[in-house]
Amino acid sequence: MARSTITRRRFAAGTAALSSALVAAPFVRGAHAAGKMSIGLWDHWVPGANKAAEAAARAWADKEKVDLQIDFITSQGNKLILTAAAEAQARSGHDILVVGSWDCARYADQLAPVDDIMAPLIKQNGKASDITQYLGKIDGRWLGVPATPGAQFKGPTSRIDLLKQHAGIDIQAMYPVGAPPKADAWTLDAFLKAAADCHKAGYPFGIGLGTTADSVDTCGAIFQSFGAELVDAKGEITVKSDNVKKALEYWKQLVPYLPPDAPSWDDASNNKMFVAGKTALIMNPPSAWAVARRDRPEIAEQTWHHGMAAGSAGRYGPFTTPFWGIWNFGKNQSAAKSLLAALSQADAIEAMVKASAGYDIPPFANLTTLKVWEEEGPPKGTLYHYANPFNHQILSIAAAPAPHRIAVQIYRQGLQTQMVVRYAIKGESMDKVLAFAVNEIEGYMRV
C-alpha cells in the first residue's frame, strides 16, 4: 500500500467554506469535526494516474488546513476487498475508502448517506447513469459518491485493419471521430458473422468464458441484449424464459469462433492475446491498447474502441464503477464529504481522466465529451466513443436488475458463463442447464 502523508496545521474553528469553484453544500459550516483525516484510494494501474487525484486532495487539504493521509491501495490480491472487509468488521480505518461496484449494497448499514453531496453534483455535472444509480443508490439513498478513477466501459476494442480485411467492416466509418455512431447495422448477427470471418482468417475474437470480471461482463451484456434476466428487479427467478433460451442459443453459435481455452481465461488473457496480435477484437477498456502503445505501436495504431453490437432488446454495454464511501462510524464525516465534493468537481475529474490517458469514465452525463477522448492516440480519436458520448448504448452490469444480494452472487460466481460453458461446450441439454441455474440462484437466496 503506497502512502502519501500531507502534514498541515490542525483544522481550526472558523475555517473558510469551500471556494466558489466547489459545490456549495449544506454540510460546510466553516469548521469540520477534527483536523486529521485519511482516505484510501485505488492504486491506479496507469503509471502517473494517481497524481491527479492526489493533487486535488492536496489542494483541498491545503485550503482547509487539514492533516490528510492518502493511501493508494492495490486491487491485486484482492487487497481492496480485504481492506474494506477488515475496516467494516473493526469499525475503524480510513474516513473515506474506495469500494467496489457492488459494495454500497454490501456495506449499506455502515456507510453514511451522501445525498447532500450528490444532489448539487448532479445539478452541476449532469445525471448519473442508471447503472451507477442501481449500484450506488440503495433504498433511495446514495451510499457512495461514484469515483472517476477505475470506472470503465468494457466494450469492443477492435483491430481496424483485421475487421476491414477479413470481415468487410470499416469500424472507423461506423464510429467516426466527432460525430454520432452510424452503427444501425452493428447488430449481434453482424458481430457473429464478423467473428466467424475473423476466426477463419486465424484471428478469433478474444472473448473469455471464465468466471472473472471480463468474461462475466461480456456474457452479461449479451444476455441483456436479448432481454435475458436470470432474476428480475422484484427478486423473482426468470431463468426459464424464452429470452434466456435465446441468449444461450446465440452463445452456442458464437463459441466455435472463440479461443478453445476460453473457459479457463482470466482478466489478463484477452489483453495478452490482443497485444500479441492474435485477435481481431476483445471486450476491454483501453488497457490493452495502452500496453500496445508502449510495446507494440504497430498494433496500437490499428486499434479502435467503439460501441457494443445491438440485440433484439437493445444495445447494452458492460460498465463497472467503484465508489468513494464514508464509514458511518468515522469521526470526520463532515470533512470527508467536503473532500469528496472537491474530488468530484469537473476540473478535478477532467484532470483524472487525462492522467489515466482516457481510461477513466466520469459518472456524470455532462462530462462524457472531454477533449482527451478525441485527442488521444494513436490513432487519434481511438477513444472518442469510449465514454458513450451520444448515449448510443445502455450501460449496464451483468446480473442487473436483480436485487443486489442475489445479483452480486450471480456476478461473482460467473453463473452466466457457467451456463454458456455447460450448454455450448459440454453439450448439456437446455433443460438441464436452466435447472442448474435455478438451483444455484435458490442457493444464493438462502444465504
Foldseek 3Di string as FASTA:
>chain_A
DDKDWDDFAKQDAQQDFDDPLFFDFPLTDRGFLIQEFEEEAAPAPFPQLVVLLVVLLNVLCVSRRHTYMYHHFYPPPPRLVVVVVVCLVVVDDGQKYWFWQQVCVVCVVWFDFQVRLVVRLCVVFNDFAPQSCLRQQDPNTGRFAFAQRPWFWQAKKFFQVLCCVQLVDRVCQQPPFPDHGVVPVQALVSVLSSQVRSLVVQAHAAAALEQEAQNLLVLQQLLVLLVHACAALVRHGDLPDPSVVVSLVSLLSRVVSYPPNRHPDYPCRNLVCQLVVRHGIYGGFCPSLVVCVVVPVVSNLRIAGAFAHHHPNFGEIEIITIGITGTPSDSGNSVVSSSVSSCSRLVSSLSSCVSSQNRTERRHLNNLQDCSCQQRDNVRNRRRPRNVNPPRGRYHGGNPPYPSLLSVCCNNRSLSSVLSCVVNPVPDDPVVSSVVSVVVSVVSVVD
